[in-house]
Amino acid sequence: MKQHKVMLGERVLYQAAQLSHAQRFAAARRAEGLDCHVVPDTTTRTKRVRINALTGKPYSGRMPEG
């Protein structure tokens, strides 16, 4: 899950999974006079292997014969 952060200097004020929530929180803090900024999470998700429910093994990527 992504973790976007709202920072005040080096201090984390807020973490959110959705970027829009972090941006709204930062905007509210700026309205209160705090100079904070949003640091979006740029990590890429790893591809998860699908598991076959019947065999308990990963699906194979075989090409059809013919």
Protein backbone atom coordinates (compact mmCIF):
# COMPACT_ATOMS: atom_id res chain seq x y z
CA MET A 1 0.00 0.00 0.00
CA LYS A 2 1.30 3.42 -0.87
CA GLN A 3 2.12 5.88 1.91
CA HIS A 4 2.08 9.53 0.87
CA LYS A 5 3.49 11.81 3.55
CA VAL A 6 2.78 15.38 4.65
CA MET A 7 6.05 16.82 5.97
CA LEU A 8 6.81 19.81 8.17
CA GLY A 9 10.55 20.19 7.70
CA GLU A 10 11.92 16.72 8.54
CA ARG A 11 8.90 15.74 10.64
CA VAL A 12 6.04 13.60 9.29
CA LEU A 13 2.69 15.15 10.17
CA TYR A 14 0.40 12.75 8.32
CA GLN A 15 0.49 9.61 6.18
CA ALA A 16 -2.24 8.65 3.73
CA ALA A 17 -2.76 5.88 1.22
CA GLN A 18 -4.52 8.25 -1.19
CA LEU A 19 -2.59 11.22 -2.54
CA SER A 20 -5.71 13.41 -2.60
CA HIS A 21 -6.19 12.92 1.16
CA ALA A 22 -2.61 13.98 1.86
CA GLN A 23 -3.02 17.03 -0.38
CA ARG A 24 -6.23 18.08 1.40
CA PHE A 25 -4.58 17.66 4.81
CA ALA A 26 -1.59 19.75 3.68
CA ALA A 27 -3.90 22.46 2.33
CA ALA A 28 -5.72 22.62 5.66
CA ARG A 29 -2.43 22.93 7.57
CA ARG A 30 -1.28 25.69 5.18
CA ALA A 31 -4.52 27.55 5.90
CA GLU A 32 -3.59 27.34 9.60
CA GLY A 33 -0.22 28.90 8.83
CA LEU A 34 2.02 25.80 8.85
CA ASP A 35 4.49 25.56 5.95
CA CYS A 36 4.13 21.86 5.06
CA HIS A 37 4.43 19.94 1.81
CA VAL A 38 3.32 16.59 0.37
CA VAL A 39 5.85 13.89 -0.51
CA PRO A 40 4.18 11.38 -2.86
CA ASP A 41 5.17 7.72 -2.56
CA THR A 42 6.91 6.73 -5.80
CA THR A 43 7.63 3.08 -5.04
CA THR A 44 6.39 0.62 -7.65
CA ARG A 45 4.28 -2.35 -6.71
CA THR A 46 5.76 -5.80 -7.15
CA LYS A 47 3.79 -8.12 -9.38
CA ARG A 48 2.08 -10.80 -7.33
CA VAL A 49 1.99 -14.35 -8.65
CA ARG A 50 -1.52 -15.73 -9.03
CA ILE A 51 -2.04 -19.02 -7.20
CA ASN A 52 -4.30 -21.72 -8.62
CA ALA A 53 -6.93 -22.47 -5.95
CA LEU A 54 -7.20 -26.14 -6.95
CA THR A 55 -3.52 -27.07 -6.98
CA GLY A 56 -2.04 -24.45 -4.66
CA LYS A 57 0.66 -23.78 -7.26
CA PRO A 58 1.22 -20.67 -9.40
CA TYR A 59 -0.45 -20.51 -12.78
CA SER A 60 2.00 -21.40 -15.53
CA GLY A 61 2.56 -19.06 -18.44
CA ARG A 62 2.43 -21.82 -21.07
CA MET A 63 1.57 -21.02 -24.64
CA PRO A 64 -1.26 -23.08 -26.19
CA GLU A 65 -0.10 -25.87 -28.48
CA GLY A 66 -1.01 -25.92 -32.13
